[in-house]
N, C-alpha and C. Protein backbone atom coordinates (compact mmCIF):
# COMPACT_ATOMS: atom_id res chain seq x y z
N MET A 1 7.91 9.21 23.04
CA MET A 1 7.53 7.99 22.34
C MET A 1 7.96 8.12 20.88
N ARG A 2 8.85 7.27 20.45
CA ARG A 2 9.37 7.33 19.08
C ARG A 2 8.60 6.39 18.18
N LEU A 3 8.43 6.83 16.97
CA LEU A 3 7.84 5.99 15.94
C LEU A 3 8.93 5.03 15.50
N GLU A 4 8.69 3.74 15.63
CA GLU A 4 9.71 2.75 15.31
C GLU A 4 9.64 2.36 13.84
N LEU A 5 10.57 2.87 13.08
CA LEU A 5 10.67 2.51 11.68
C LEU A 5 11.88 1.60 11.52
N LYS A 6 11.63 0.33 11.28
CA LYS A 6 12.69 -0.68 11.21
C LYS A 6 13.22 -0.83 9.79
N SER A 7 13.88 0.19 9.31
CA SER A 7 14.46 0.09 7.98
C SER A 7 15.80 0.81 7.98
N GLU A 8 16.56 0.52 6.98
CA GLU A 8 17.87 1.16 6.90
C GLU A 8 17.69 2.64 6.59
N ARG A 9 18.68 3.40 6.92
CA ARG A 9 18.61 4.84 6.70
C ARG A 9 19.01 5.18 5.27
N GLN A 10 18.45 6.29 4.83
CA GLN A 10 18.76 6.79 3.49
C GLN A 10 18.89 8.30 3.57
N ASN A 11 19.92 8.82 2.98
CA ASN A 11 20.09 10.26 2.93
C ASN A 11 19.11 10.85 1.93
N VAL A 12 18.70 12.07 2.22
CA VAL A 12 17.78 12.77 1.34
C VAL A 12 18.22 14.24 1.26
N THR A 13 18.04 14.83 0.11
CA THR A 13 18.40 16.23 -0.07
C THR A 13 17.12 17.05 -0.05
N LEU A 14 17.09 18.07 0.80
CA LEU A 14 15.93 18.93 0.91
C LEU A 14 16.29 20.34 0.49
N SER A 15 15.35 21.02 -0.06
CA SER A 15 15.51 22.43 -0.37
C SER A 15 14.55 23.19 0.53
N LEU A 16 15.10 23.89 1.52
CA LEU A 16 14.29 24.61 2.50
C LEU A 16 14.71 26.06 2.55
N PRO A 17 13.79 26.93 2.93
CA PRO A 17 14.16 28.34 3.07
C PRO A 17 15.26 28.51 4.13
N LYS A 18 16.21 29.41 3.87
CA LYS A 18 17.33 29.61 4.78
C LYS A 18 16.87 29.95 6.18
N GLU A 19 15.84 30.78 6.30
CA GLU A 19 15.35 31.18 7.63
C GLU A 19 14.79 29.98 8.39
N LEU A 20 14.12 29.07 7.70
CA LEU A 20 13.60 27.87 8.33
C LEU A 20 14.74 26.99 8.83
N ILE A 21 15.78 26.86 8.03
CA ILE A 21 16.94 26.07 8.43
C ILE A 21 17.61 26.71 9.65
N LYS A 22 17.76 28.01 9.62
CA LYS A 22 18.40 28.73 10.72
C LYS A 22 17.62 28.52 12.03
N LYS A 23 16.31 28.71 11.97
CA LYS A 23 15.48 28.54 13.17
C LYS A 23 15.48 27.08 13.64
N SER A 24 15.49 26.16 12.70
CA SER A 24 15.51 24.74 13.04
C SER A 24 16.81 24.36 13.73
N LYS A 25 17.92 24.92 13.25
CA LYS A 25 19.21 24.65 13.88
C LYS A 25 19.24 25.17 15.32
N VAL A 26 18.67 26.36 15.53
CA VAL A 26 18.62 26.93 16.87
C VAL A 26 17.78 26.05 17.79
N MET A 27 16.60 25.65 17.32
CA MET A 27 15.73 24.80 18.14
C MET A 27 16.39 23.46 18.43
N ALA A 28 17.05 22.88 17.44
CA ALA A 28 17.74 21.61 17.63
C ALA A 28 18.84 21.77 18.68
N ALA A 29 19.59 22.84 18.60
CA ALA A 29 20.67 23.08 19.57
C ALA A 29 20.10 23.25 20.98
N GLN A 30 18.98 23.93 21.09
CA GLN A 30 18.35 24.11 22.40
C GLN A 30 17.92 22.79 23.01
N LYS A 31 17.61 21.83 22.17
CA LYS A 31 17.21 20.50 22.63
C LYS A 31 18.38 19.52 22.66
N ASP A 32 19.58 20.06 22.41
CA ASP A 32 20.80 19.25 22.37
C ASP A 32 20.67 18.10 21.36
N MET A 33 20.18 18.44 20.17
CA MET A 33 19.98 17.47 19.10
C MET A 33 20.68 17.97 17.85
N SER A 34 21.01 17.03 16.98
CA SER A 34 21.51 17.42 15.66
C SER A 34 20.31 17.87 14.83
N LEU A 35 20.57 18.60 13.78
CA LEU A 35 19.49 19.03 12.90
C LEU A 35 18.80 17.81 12.30
N SER A 36 19.57 16.81 11.94
CA SER A 36 19.01 15.58 11.38
C SER A 36 18.05 14.91 12.37
N ALA A 37 18.47 14.79 13.62
CA ALA A 37 17.62 14.16 14.65
C ALA A 37 16.38 15.01 14.90
N PHE A 38 16.55 16.33 14.90
CA PHE A 38 15.43 17.24 15.12
C PHE A 38 14.38 17.09 14.01
N LEU A 39 14.83 17.09 12.76
CA LEU A 39 13.91 16.95 11.64
C LEU A 39 13.26 15.56 11.62
N ARG A 40 14.03 14.53 11.95
CA ARG A 40 13.48 13.17 12.01
C ARG A 40 12.37 13.10 13.06
N ALA A 41 12.61 13.68 14.24
CA ALA A 41 11.61 13.68 15.31
C ALA A 41 10.35 14.45 14.88
N ALA A 42 10.55 15.57 14.20
CA ALA A 42 9.41 16.36 13.73
C ALA A 42 8.57 15.56 12.73
N LEU A 43 9.23 14.87 11.81
CA LEU A 43 8.50 14.05 10.84
C LEU A 43 7.79 12.88 11.52
N GLU A 44 8.45 12.25 12.48
CA GLU A 44 7.83 11.14 13.21
C GLU A 44 6.59 11.62 13.95
N ASN A 45 6.68 12.79 14.58
CA ASN A 45 5.52 13.33 15.30
C ASN A 45 4.37 13.62 14.36
N LYS A 46 4.68 14.18 13.20
CA LYS A 46 3.65 14.48 12.21
C LYS A 46 2.98 13.19 11.72
N ILE A 47 3.77 12.17 11.44
CA ILE A 47 3.21 10.90 10.97
C ILE A 47 2.37 10.26 12.06
N ARG A 48 2.85 10.28 13.30
CA ARG A 48 2.11 9.70 14.42
C ARG A 48 0.78 10.43 14.60
N ALA A 49 0.79 11.75 14.51
CA ALA A 49 -0.44 12.53 14.67
C ALA A 49 -1.43 12.23 13.55
N GLU A 50 -0.94 12.17 12.33
CA GLU A 50 -1.83 11.92 11.19
C GLU A 50 -2.42 10.52 11.24
N THR A 51 -1.60 9.52 11.50
CA THR A 51 -2.11 8.15 11.50
C THR A 51 -2.98 7.90 12.73
N GLY A 52 -2.65 8.52 13.84
CA GLY A 52 -3.48 8.39 15.05
C GLY A 52 -4.84 9.01 14.83
N TYR A 53 -4.88 10.16 14.18
CA TYR A 53 -6.15 10.82 13.90
C TYR A 53 -7.00 9.95 12.98
N GLU A 54 -6.38 9.39 11.96
CA GLU A 54 -7.13 8.56 11.00
C GLU A 54 -7.71 7.33 11.69
N ARG A 55 -6.93 6.67 12.52
CA ARG A 55 -7.45 5.50 13.24
C ARG A 55 -8.61 5.88 14.16
N ALA A 56 -8.47 6.99 14.87
CA ALA A 56 -9.53 7.44 15.77
C ALA A 56 -10.79 7.80 14.98
N ARG A 57 -10.61 8.46 13.83
CA ARG A 57 -11.76 8.82 13.01
C ARG A 57 -12.50 7.59 12.52
N GLU A 58 -11.75 6.59 12.06
CA GLU A 58 -12.37 5.35 11.60
C GLU A 58 -13.08 4.63 12.74
N ARG A 59 -12.47 4.61 13.91
CA ARG A 59 -13.08 3.96 15.08
C ARG A 59 -14.40 4.66 15.44
N GLN A 60 -14.40 5.98 15.46
CA GLN A 60 -15.61 6.72 15.81
C GLN A 60 -16.69 6.57 14.73
N ALA A 61 -16.29 6.55 13.46
CA ALA A 61 -17.26 6.35 12.38
C ALA A 61 -17.91 4.98 12.51
N GLY A 62 -17.14 3.98 12.91
CA GLY A 62 -17.68 2.65 13.12
C GLY A 62 -18.70 2.63 14.24
N LEU A 63 -18.42 3.35 15.31
CA LEU A 63 -19.38 3.43 16.42
C LEU A 63 -20.67 4.10 15.98
N LEU A 64 -20.55 5.16 15.19
CA LEU A 64 -21.75 5.85 14.72
C LEU A 64 -22.56 4.97 13.77
N ASP A 65 -21.87 4.22 12.92
CA ASP A 65 -22.57 3.32 11.99
C ASP A 65 -23.34 2.26 12.74
N GLY A 66 -22.76 1.76 13.85
CA GLY A 66 -23.41 0.71 14.62
C GLY A 66 -24.55 1.22 15.48
N GLY A 67 -24.53 2.51 15.78
CA GLY A 67 -25.57 3.09 16.63
C GLY A 67 -25.35 2.75 18.09
N PHE A 68 -26.22 3.29 18.92
CA PHE A 68 -26.12 3.09 20.36
C PHE A 68 -27.46 2.61 20.90
N ASP A 69 -27.42 1.78 21.91
CA ASP A 69 -28.63 1.28 22.54
C ASP A 69 -28.90 2.10 23.80
N PHE A 70 -29.94 2.92 23.72
CA PHE A 70 -30.31 3.73 24.88
C PHE A 70 -31.49 3.13 25.62
N GLY A 71 -31.86 1.91 25.28
CA GLY A 71 -32.95 1.22 25.96
C GLY A 71 -34.32 1.65 25.50
N THR A 72 -34.42 2.39 24.41
CA THR A 72 -35.72 2.88 23.94
C THR A 72 -36.31 1.98 22.86
N LYS A 73 -35.54 1.04 22.39
CA LYS A 73 -35.95 0.13 21.32
C LYS A 73 -36.43 0.91 20.09
N GLY A 74 -35.79 2.05 19.86
CA GLY A 74 -36.11 2.85 18.67
C GLY A 74 -37.31 3.74 18.81
N GLN A 75 -37.97 3.75 19.96
CA GLN A 75 -39.15 4.56 20.16
C GLN A 75 -38.81 5.78 21.01
N VAL A 76 -39.29 6.92 20.59
CA VAL A 76 -39.07 8.15 21.34
C VAL A 76 -40.36 8.47 22.07
N GLY A 77 -40.29 8.61 23.40
CA GLY A 77 -41.49 8.82 24.21
C GLY A 77 -41.79 10.28 24.49
N PHE A 78 -41.25 11.18 23.73
CA PHE A 78 -41.50 12.60 23.94
C PHE A 78 -41.33 13.31 22.61
N SER A 79 -41.91 14.50 22.52
CA SER A 79 -41.81 15.27 21.28
C SER A 79 -40.78 16.39 21.45
N ARG A 80 -40.44 16.98 20.37
CA ARG A 80 -39.51 18.11 20.40
C ARG A 80 -40.11 19.25 21.22
N GLU A 81 -41.41 19.46 21.04
CA GLU A 81 -42.09 20.52 21.77
C GLU A 81 -42.03 20.26 23.28
N ASP A 82 -42.18 18.98 23.68
CA ASP A 82 -42.08 18.64 25.11
C ASP A 82 -40.71 19.02 25.66
N LEU A 83 -39.70 18.77 24.90
CA LEU A 83 -38.34 19.06 25.36
C LEU A 83 -38.10 20.56 25.50
N HIS A 84 -38.72 21.34 24.64
CA HIS A 84 -38.43 22.77 24.61
C HIS A 84 -39.53 23.61 25.25
N ALA A 85 -40.54 22.99 25.81
CA ALA A 85 -41.63 23.75 26.45
C ALA A 85 -41.10 24.39 27.72
N ARG A 86 -41.51 25.61 27.93
CA ARG A 86 -41.14 26.31 29.15
C ARG A 86 -42.11 25.93 30.26
N ARG A 87 -41.57 25.81 31.43
CA ARG A 87 -42.42 25.48 32.59
C ARG A 87 -43.26 26.69 32.99
N LYS A 88 -44.47 26.45 33.27
CA LYS A 88 -45.32 27.52 33.77
C LYS A 88 -45.41 27.37 35.29
N LYS A 89 -45.25 28.46 35.96
CA LYS A 89 -45.28 28.43 37.44
C LYS A 89 -46.63 28.79 37.96
């Protein structure tokens, strides 16, 4: 699944450690990709992961803010001690 960025391309100059470039070229070749395509895919995956996490976090925070209806109407019919009491045989 590719992140669809509908804009024109722009070249960018990066300064990366030689060993990172070397390993990236090997991985790109193993995937039959150019280094440019490999790096683009890596950036797209990172952006997708970050934005997906943020959306999920906001969605879950909204659920927590709204609370849940467990049918108790806000009343608890048992105490903490009741929950943790050991059964006597």
